[in-house]
C-alpha atoms as a PDB file:
ATOM      1  CA  UNK A   1      33.743  15.325   4.627  1.00  0.00           C
ATOM      2  CA  UNK A   2      32.220  14.272   7.952  1.00  0.00           C
ATOM      3  CA  UNK A   3      34.592  12.534  10.373  1.00  0.00           C
ATOM      4  CA  UNK A   4      34.192  10.959  13.798  1.00  0.00           C
ATOM      5  CA  UNK A   5      35.569  14.133  15.365  1.00  0.00           C
ATOM      6  CA  UNK A   6      32.512  16.046  14.126  1.00  0.00           C
ATOM      7  CA  UNK A   7      30.405  14.195  16.711  1.00  0.00           C
ATOM      8  CA  UNK A   8      32.514  15.216  19.698  1.00  0.00           C
ATOM      9  CA  UNK A   9      32.844  18.970  19.256  1.00  0.00           C
ATOM     10  CA  UNK A  10      29.847  20.293  21.165  1.00  0.00           C
ATOM     11  CA  UNK A  11      30.057  22.577  24.171  1.00  0.00           C
ATOM     12  CA  UNK A  12      27.744  20.219  26.036  1.00  0.00           C
ATOM     13  CA  UNK A  13      29.672  17.112  27.056  1.00  0.00           C
ATOM     14  CA  UNK A  14      26.351  15.398  27.708  1.00  0.00           C
ATOM     15  CA  UNK A  15      25.319  15.997  24.087  1.00  0.00           C
ATOM     16  CA  UNK A  16      28.621  14.508  22.929  1.00  0.00           C
ATOM     17  CA  UNK A  17      27.957  11.476  25.098  1.00  0.00           C
ATOM     18  CA  UNK A  18      24.451  11.078  23.728  1.00  0.00           C
ATOM     19  CA  UNK A  19      25.697  11.068  20.133  1.00  0.00           C
ATOM     20  CA  UNK A  20      28.491   8.615  20.970  1.00  0.00           C
ATOM     21  CA  UNK A  21      26.032   6.360  22.746  1.00  0.00           C
ATOM     22  CA  UNK A  22      23.587   6.221  19.877  1.00  0.00           C
ATOM     23  CA  UNK A  23      26.392   5.299  17.461  1.00  0.00           C
ATOM     24  CA  UNK A  24      27.617   2.627  19.873  1.00  0.00           C
ATOM     25  CA  UNK A  25      24.127   1.179  20.283  1.00  0.00           C
ATOM     26  CA  UNK A  26      23.663   1.099  16.518  1.00  0.00           C
ATOM     27  CA  UNK A  27      26.947  -0.733  15.956  1.00  0.00           C
ATOM     28  CA  UNK A  28      26.136  -3.156  18.779  1.00  0.00           C
ATOM     29  CA  UNK A  29      22.800  -3.920  17.131  1.00  0.00           C
ATOM     30  CA  UNK A  30      24.629  -4.403  13.844  1.00  0.00           C
ATOM     31  CA  UNK A  31      27.008  -6.883  15.458  1.00  0.00           C
ATOM     32  CA  UNK A  32      24.108  -8.851  16.906  1.00  0.00           C
ATOM     33  CA  UNK A  33      22.329  -8.951  13.544  1.00  0.00           C
ATOM     34  CA  UNK A  34      25.525  -9.995  11.781  1.00  0.00           C
ATOM     35  CA  UNK A  35      25.932 -12.880  14.250  1.00  0.00           C
ATOM     36  CA  UNK A  36      22.308 -13.917  13.777  1.00  0.00           C
ATOM     37  CA  UNK A  37      22.769 -14.099  10.017  1.00  0.00           C
ATOM     38  CA  UNK A  38      26.022 -16.038  10.285  1.00  0.00           C
ATOM     39  CA  UNK A  39      24.564 -18.534  12.748  1.00  0.00           C
ATOM     40  CA  UNK A  40      21.435 -18.997  10.622  1.00  0.00           C
ATOM     41  CA  UNK A  41      23.538 -19.874   7.578  1.00  0.00           C
ATOM     42  CA  UNK A  42      25.779 -22.193   9.609  1.00  0.00           C
ATOM     43  CA  UNK A  43      22.702 -23.935  11.001  1.00  0.00           C
ATOM     44  CA  UNK A  44      21.358 -24.419   7.489  1.00  0.00           C
ATOM     45  CA  UNK A  45      24.543 -25.708   5.870  1.00  0.00           C
ATOM     46  CA  UNK A  46      25.471 -27.973   8.800  1.00  0.00           C
ATOM     47  CA  UNK A  47      21.957 -29.214   9.516  1.00  0.00           C
ATOM     48  CA  UNK A  48      22.290 -27.948  13.108  1.00  0.00           C
ATOM     49  CA  UNK A  49      18.770 -27.740  14.525  1.00  0.00           C
ATOM     50  CA  UNK A  50      19.981 -26.586  17.973  1.00  0.00           C
ATOM     51  CA  UNK A  51      21.793 -23.622  16.458  1.00  0.00           C
ATOM     52  CA  UNK A  52      18.722 -22.807  14.356  1.00  0.00           C
ATOM     53  CA  UNK A  53      16.634 -22.667  17.537  1.00  0.00           C
ATOM     54  CA  UNK A  54      19.204 -20.358  19.151  1.00  0.00           C
ATOM     55  CA  UNK A  55      19.018 -18.031  16.150  1.00  0.00           C
ATOM     56  CA  UNK A  56      15.287 -17.684  16.601  1.00  0.00           C
ATOM     57  CA  UNK A  57      15.866 -16.583  20.192  1.00  0.00           C
ATOM     58  CA  UNK A  58      17.863 -13.563  18.961  1.00  0.00           C
ATOM     59  CA  UNK A  59      14.712 -11.996  17.559  1.00  0.00           C
ATOM     60  CA  UNK A  60      13.403 -10.483  20.786  1.00  0.00           C
ATOM     61  CA  UNK A  61      16.695  -8.851  21.755  1.00  0.00           C
ATOM     62  CA  UNK A  62      17.177  -7.350  18.291  1.00  0.00           C
ATOM     63  CA  UNK A  63      13.653  -5.933  18.291  1.00  0.00           C
ATOM     64  CA  UNK A  64      14.286  -4.459  21.739  1.00  0.00           C
ATOM     65  CA  UNK A  65      17.515  -2.838  20.540  1.00  0.00           C
ATOM     66  CA  UNK A  66      15.684  -1.275  17.586  1.00  0.00           C
ATOM     67  CA  UNK A  67      13.017   0.194  19.855  1.00  0.00           C
ATOM     68  CA  UNK A  68      15.600   1.543  22.297  1.00  0.00           C
ATOM     69  CA  UNK A  69      17.655   3.239  19.575  1.00  0.00           C
ATOM     70  CA  UNK A  70      14.548   4.649  17.907  1.00  0.00           C
ATOM     71  CA  UNK A  71      13.358   6.119  21.207  1.00  0.00           C
ATOM     72  CA  UNK A  72      16.774   7.689  21.782  1.00  0.00           C
ATOM     73  CA  UNK A  73      16.795   9.204  18.278  1.00  0.00           C
ATOM     74  CA  UNK A  74      13.381  10.755  18.882  1.00  0.00           C
ATOM     75  CA  UNK A  75      14.503  12.093  22.259  1.00  0.00           C
ATOM     76  CA  UNK A  76      17.600  13.762  20.802  1.00  0.00           C
ATOM     77  CA  UNK A  77      15.586  15.270  17.952  1.00  0.00           C
ATOM     78  CA  UNK A  78      13.080  16.721  20.404  1.00  0.00           C
ATOM     79  CA  UNK A  79      15.514  17.997  23.038  1.00  0.00           C
ATOM     80  CA  UNK A  80      18.610  18.954  21.073  1.00  0.00           C
ATOM     81  CA  UNK A  81      17.128  20.002  17.733  1.00  0.00           C
ATOM     82  CA  UNK A  82      20.321  18.919  15.942  1.00  0.00           C
ATOM     83  CA  UNK A  83      21.467  20.525  12.700  1.00  0.00           C
ATOM     84  CA  UNK A  84      23.814  19.676   9.820  1.00  0.00           C
ATOM     85  CA  UNK A  85      25.920  16.546  10.328  1.00  0.00           C
ATOM     86  CA  UNK A  86      24.333  15.720  13.703  1.00  0.00           C
ATOM     87  CA  UNK A  87      20.883  15.748  12.155  1.00  0.00           C
ATOM     88  CA  UNK A  88      22.039  13.551   9.284  1.00  0.00           C
ATOM     89  CA  UNK A  89      23.494  11.034  11.721  1.00  0.00           C
ATOM     90  CA  UNK A  90      20.255  10.798  13.695  1.00  0.00           C
ATOM     91  CA  UNK A  91      18.159  10.449  10.541  1.00  0.00           C
ATOM     92  CA  UNK A  92      20.533   7.922   8.962  1.00  0.00           C
ATOM     93  CA  UNK A  93      20.648   5.732  12.058  1.00  0.00           C
ATOM     94  CA  UNK A  94      16.883   6.003  12.483  1.00  0.00           C
ATOM     95  CA  UNK A  95      16.425   4.555   8.989  1.00  0.00           C
ATOM     96  CA  UNK A  96      19.321   2.108   9.183  1.00  0.00           C
ATOM     97  CA  UNK A  97      17.969   0.327  12.275  1.00  0.00           C
ATOM     98  CA  UNK A  98      14.861  -0.554  10.256  1.00  0.00           C
ATOM     99  CA  UNK A  99      17.062  -2.348   7.724  1.00  0.00           C
ATOM    100  CA  UNK A 100      18.985  -4.067  10.518  1.00  0.00           C
ATOM    101  CA  UNK A 101      15.743  -5.307  12.061  1.00  0.00           C
ATOM    102  CA  UNK A 102      14.616  -6.631   8.689  1.00  0.00           C
ATOM    103  CA  UNK A 103      17.917  -8.448   8.187  1.00  0.00           C
ATOM    104  CA  UNK A 104      17.153 -10.046  11.545  1.00  0.00           C
ATOM    105  CA  UNK A 105      13.697 -11.030  10.301  1.00  0.00           C
ATOM    106  CA  UNK A 106      15.146 -12.674   7.195  1.00  0.00           C
ATOM    107  CA  UNK A 107      17.765 -14.482   9.298  1.00  0.00           C
ATOM    108  CA  UNK A 108      14.939 -15.780  11.491  1.00  0.00           C
ATOM    109  CA  UNK A 109      13.262 -17.164   8.363  1.00  0.00           C
ATOM    110  CA  UNK A 110      16.485 -18.853   7.253  1.00  0.00           C
ATOM    111  CA  UNK A 111      16.716 -20.529  10.669  1.00  0.00           C
ATOM    112  CA  UNK A 112      13.121 -21.706  10.312  1.00  0.00           C
ATOM    113  CA  UNK A 113      13.860 -23.274   6.925  1.00  0.00           C
ATOM    114  CA  UNK A 114      17.045 -24.788   8.381  1.00  0.00           C
ATOM    115  CA  UNK A 115      14.915 -26.558  10.984  1.00  0.00           C
ATOM    116  CA  UNK A 116      12.535 -27.901   8.350  1.00  0.00           C
ATOM    117  CA  UNK A 117      15.378 -29.158   6.166  1.00  0.00           C
ATOM    118  CA  UNK A 118      17.248 -30.763   9.069  1.00  0.00           C
ATOM    119  CA  UNK A 119      14.113 -32.747   9.943  1.00  0.00           C
ATOM    120  CA  UNK A 120      13.960 -34.103   6.387  1.00  0.00           C
ATOM    121  CA  UNK A 121      17.529 -35.294   6.775  1.00  0.00           C
ATOM    122  CA  UNK A 122      18.539 -35.293   3.122  1.00  0.00           C
ATOM    123  CA  UNK A 123      20.578 -32.363   1.826  1.00  0.00           C
ATOM    124  CA  UNK A 124      18.602 -30.926  -1.095  1.00  0.00           C
ATOM    125  CA  UNK A 125      19.863 -29.539  -4.363  1.00  0.00           C
ATOM    126  CA  UNK A 126      20.889 -25.917  -4.034  1.00  0.00           C
ATOM    127  CA  UNK A 127      23.173 -26.038  -1.004  1.00  0.00           C
ATOM    128  CA  UNK A 128      26.192 -25.064  -3.120  1.00  0.00           C
ATOM    129  CA  UNK A 129      24.409 -21.956  -4.416  1.00  0.00           C
ATOM    130  CA  UNK A 130      23.166 -21.145  -0.924  1.00  0.00           C
ATOM    131  CA  UNK A 131      26.628 -21.404   0.587  1.00  0.00           C
ATOM    132  CA  UNK A 132      28.138 -19.191  -2.106  1.00  0.00           C
ATOM    133  CA  UNK A 133      25.458 -16.488  -2.068  1.00  0.00           C
ATOM    134  CA  UNK A 134      25.310 -16.676   1.717  1.00  0.00           C
ATOM    135  CA  UNK A 135      29.027 -15.954   2.027  1.00  0.00           C
ATOM    136  CA  UNK A 136      28.714 -12.980  -0.315  1.00  0.00           C
ATOM    137  CA  UNK A 137      25.744 -11.553   1.557  1.00  0.00           C
ATOM    138  CA  UNK A 138      27.455 -11.998   4.934  1.00  0.00           C
ATOM    139  CA  UNK A 139      30.400 -10.051   3.533  1.00  0.00           C
ATOM    140  CA  UNK A 140      28.088  -7.289   2.287  1.00  0.00           C
ATOM    141  CA  UNK A 141      26.475  -6.877   5.706  1.00  0.00           C
ATOM    142  CA  UNK A 142      29.863  -6.849   7.439  1.00  0.00           C
ATOM    143  CA  UNK A 143      31.282  -4.270   5.028  1.00  0.00           C
ATOM    144  CA  UNK A 144      28.182  -2.063   5.282  1.00  0.00           C
ATOM    145  CA  UNK A 145      28.432  -2.027   9.077  1.00  0.00           C
ATOM    146  CA  UNK A 146      32.181  -1.449   8.947  1.00  0.00           C
ATOM    147  CA  UNK A 147      31.624   1.514   6.639  1.00  0.00           C
ATOM    148  CA  UNK A 148      29.367   2.993   9.341  1.00  0.00           C
ATOM    149  CA  UNK A 149      32.023   2.432  11.987  1.00  0.00           C
ATOM    150  CA  UNK A 150      34.714   4.077   9.835  1.00  0.00           C
ATOM    151  CA  UNK A 151      32.481   6.588   7.996  1.00  0.00           C
ATOM    152  CA  UNK A 152      33.931   5.206   4.758  1.00  0.00           C
ATOM    153  CA  UNK A 153      31.843   6.200   1.736  1.00  0.00           C
ATOM    154  CA  UNK A 154      34.029   4.301  -0.742  1.00  0.00           C
ATOM    155  CA  UNK A 155      33.507   1.093   1.178  1.00  0.00           C
ATOM    156  CA  UNK A 156      29.767   1.766   1.294  1.00  0.00           C
ATOM    157  CA  UNK A 157      29.699   2.344  -2.459  1.00  0.00           C
ATOM    158  CA  UNK A 158      31.464  -0.993  -3.016  1.00  0.00           C
ATOM    159  CA  UNK A 159      28.668  -2.682  -1.061  1.00  0.00           C
ATOM    160  CA  UNK A 160      26.079  -1.003  -3.259  1.00  0.00           C
ATOM    161  CA  UNK A 161      27.805  -2.331  -6.370  1.00  0.00           C
ATOM    162  CA  UNK A 162      27.980  -5.841  -4.870  1.00  0.00           C
ATOM    163  CA  UNK A 163      24.189  -5.939  -4.565  1.00  0.00           C
ATOM    164  CA  UNK A 164      23.887  -6.124  -8.354  1.00  0.00           C
ATOM    165  CA  UNK A 165      25.993  -9.292  -8.432  1.00  0.00           C
ATOM    166  CA  UNK A 166      23.854 -10.867  -5.701  1.00  0.00           C
ATOM    167  CA  UNK A 167      20.710 -10.166  -7.727  1.00  0.00           C
ATOM    168  CA  UNK A 168      22.185 -11.871 -10.795  1.00  0.00           C
ATOM    169  CA  UNK A 169      23.346 -14.892  -8.796  1.00  0.00           C
ATOM    170  CA  UNK A 170      19.936 -15.193  -7.154  1.00  0.00           C
ATOM    171  CA  UNK A 171      18.139 -15.193 -10.505  1.00  0.00           C
ATOM    172  CA  UNK A 172      20.529 -17.779 -11.946  1.00  0.00           C
ATOM    173  CA  UNK A 173      20.192 -20.103  -8.942  1.00  0.00           C
ATOM    174  CA  UNK A 174      16.403 -19.782  -8.963  1.00  0.00           C
ATOM    175  CA  UNK A 175      16.181 -20.739 -12.636  1.00  0.00           C
ATOM    176  CA  UNK A 176      18.405 -23.786 -12.081  1.00  0.00           C
ATOM    177  CA  UNK A 177      16.352 -24.953  -9.102  1.00  0.00           C
ATOM    178  CA  UNK A 178      13.050 -24.527 -10.944  1.00  0.00           C
ATOM    179  CA  UNK A 179      14.397 -26.679 -13.771  1.00  0.00           C
ATOM    180  CA  UNK A 180      15.510 -29.318 -11.274  1.00  0.00           C
ATOM    181  CA  UNK A 181      12.065 -29.433  -9.627  1.00  0.00           C
ATOM    182  CA  UNK A 182      10.385 -29.954 -13.003  1.00  0.00           C
ATOM    183  CA  UNK A 183      12.744 -32.845 -13.704  1.00  0.00           C
ATOM    184  CA  UNK A 184      12.218 -34.439 -10.272  1.00  0.00           C
ATOM    185  CA  UNK A 185       8.820 -33.551  -8.741  1.00  0.00           C
ATOM    186  CA  UNK A 186       9.703 -35.528  -5.593  1.00  0.00           C
ATOM    187  CA  UNK A 187      12.221 -32.814  -4.715  1.00  0.00           C
ATOM    188  CA  UNK A 188       9.737 -29.943  -4.811  1.00  0.00           C
ATOM    189  CA  UNK A 189       9.171 -29.589  -1.055  1.00  0.00           C
ATOM    190  CA  UNK A 190      12.864 -29.604  -0.130  1.00  0.00           C
ATOM    191  CA  UNK A 191      13.998 -27.391  -3.000  1.00  0.00           C
ATOM    192  CA  UNK A 192      11.236 -24.867  -2.341  1.00  0.00           C
ATOM    193  CA  UNK A 193      12.672 -24.365   1.142  1.00  0.00           C
ATOM    194  CA  UNK A 194      16.063 -23.633  -0.402  1.00  0.00           C
ATOM    195  CA  UNK A 195      14.485 -21.182  -2.835  1.00  0.00           C
ATOM    196  CA  UNK A 196      12.892 -19.331   0.089  1.00  0.00           C
ATOM    197  CA  UNK A 197      16.305 -19.178   1.761  1.00  0.00           C
ATOM    198  CA  UNK A 198      17.791 -17.710  -1.406  1.00  0.00           C
ATOM    199  CA  UNK A 199      14.976 -15.166  -1.490  1.00  0.00           C
ATOM    200  CA  UNK A 200      15.783 -14.135   2.080  1.00  0.00           C
ATOM    201  CA  UNK A 201      19.454 -13.771   1.169  1.00  0.00           C
ATOM    202  CA  UNK A 202      18.584 -11.594  -1.815  1.00  0.00           C
ATOM    203  CA  UNK A 203      16.502  -9.362   0.446  1.00  0.00           C
ATOM    204  CA  UNK A 204      19.322  -9.137   2.989  1.00  0.00           C
ATOM    205  CA  UNK A 205      21.565  -7.936   0.160  1.00  0.00           C
ATOM    206  CA  UNK A 206      19.012  -5.211  -0.558  1.00  0.00           C
ATOM    207  CA  UNK A 207      19.034  -4.163   3.101  1.00  0.00           C
ATOM    208  CA  UNK A 208      22.840  -4.071   3.139  1.00  0.00           C
ATOM    209  CA  UNK A 209      22.658  -1.761   0.133  1.00  0.00           C
ATOM    210  CA  UNK A 210      20.182   0.433   2.013  1.00  0.00           C
ATOM    211  CA  UNK A 211      22.578   0.642   4.951  1.00  0.00           C
ATOM    212  CA  UNK A 212      25.293   1.828   2.592  1.00  0.00           C
ATOM    213  CA  UNK A 213      23.005   4.447   1.081  1.00  0.00           C
ATOM    214  CA  UNK A 214      22.306   5.813   4.561  1.00  0.00           C
ATOM    215  CA  UNK A 215      26.038   5.990   5.333  1.00  0.00           C
ATOM    216  CA  UNK A 216      26.643   8.010   2.171  1.00  0.00           C
ATOM    217  CA  UNK A 217      23.771  10.320   3.156  1.00  0.00           C
ATOM    218  CA  UNK A 218      25.284  10.712   6.630  1.00  0.00           C
ATOM    219  CA  UNK A 219      28.752  11.633   5.369  1.00  0.00           C
ATOM    220  CA  UNK A 220      27.962  13.452   2.123  1.00  0.00           C
ATOM    221  CA  UNK A 221      24.466  14.770   2.667  1.00  0.00           C
ATOM    222  CA  UNK A 222      23.428  13.197  -0.658  1.00  0.00           C
ATOM    223  CA  UNK A 223      20.357  11.024  -1.153  1.00  0.00           C
ATOM    224  CA  UNK A 224      21.660   8.296  -3.492  1.00  0.00           C
ATOM    225  CA  UNK A 225      18.584   6.095  -3.490  1.00  0.00           C
ATOM    226  CA  UNK A 226      17.371   5.223  -7.006  1.00  0.00           C
ATOM    227  CA  UNK A 227      20.504   6.898  -8.410  1.00  0.00           C
ATOM    228  CA  UNK A 228      22.861   5.628 -11.108  1.00  0.00           C
ATOM    229  CA  UNK A 229      26.372   4.588 -10.131  1.00  0.00           C
ATOM    230  CA  UNK A 230      27.852   7.407 -12.252  1.00  0.00           C
ATOM    231  CA  UNK A 231      25.887  10.041 -10.348  1.00  0.00           C
ATOM    232  CA  UNK A 232      26.771   8.420  -7.018  1.00  0.00           C
ATOM    233  CA  UNK A 233      30.476   8.583  -7.890  1.00  0.00           C
ATOM    234  CA  UNK A 234      30.097  12.302  -8.618  1.00  0.00           C
ATOM    235  CA  UNK A 235      28.317  12.794  -5.289  1.00  0.00           C
ATOM    236  CA  UNK A 236      31.181  11.066  -3.471  1.00  0.00           C
ATOM    237  CA  UNK A 237      33.609  13.604  -4.917  1.00  0.00           C
ATOM    238  CA  UNK A 238      31.739  16.617  -3.533  1.00  0.00           C
ATOM    239  CA  UNK A 239      31.774  18.096  -0.064  1.00  0.00           C
ATOM    240  CA  UNK A 240      28.713  17.508   2.132  1.00  0.00           C
ATOM    241  CA  UNK A 241      26.086  20.203   2.381  1.00  0.00           C
END
């Protein structure tokens, strides 16, 4: 089992500092992305166009953080030639920042739809579903990032399981909204915006799952992508390679 102490055991204090710094930068990026998602959903539900505009401003800083972390990962790979758990951490973070950046992209889209809906003024059908799924997805992202901070594979696995529930809720909400649009064609424009928001939330759930898969790879050395839950549970019970 990999623990935080495994990243502070090198003879070179500078190497220890580099590994600590890359973890800190990753978690800082995660916190910024988590805030962007939360603010985007608040802007949508509350019809707050000013907050939606602020959310869109986060995009540049998040992209810059991704580039900075990616450059640092490449530099450590080239100079330090890490092995074992160090290598897994660099690879996992290098992949995880892509998912964080994409969560930021989807949050940007939600803010854009929030602006469009606030201009129309009337709260469309689907806000209840959006609020519920949005809360669940926010929780998934928070738990996935917390599992990285604590190196907690059980917590990460719980996030993976939660993604299945999000998918089912998304499909159910989409069917209900399509039926509503057929019954009231005047609502099509507004409800379509809500359906796009729900689509973004479903994708964010997928990215939170990906984050959790990378955490399990980091700690256990097991690639659990496209793997059944039963096999993942067995992998969690073994020692890392």
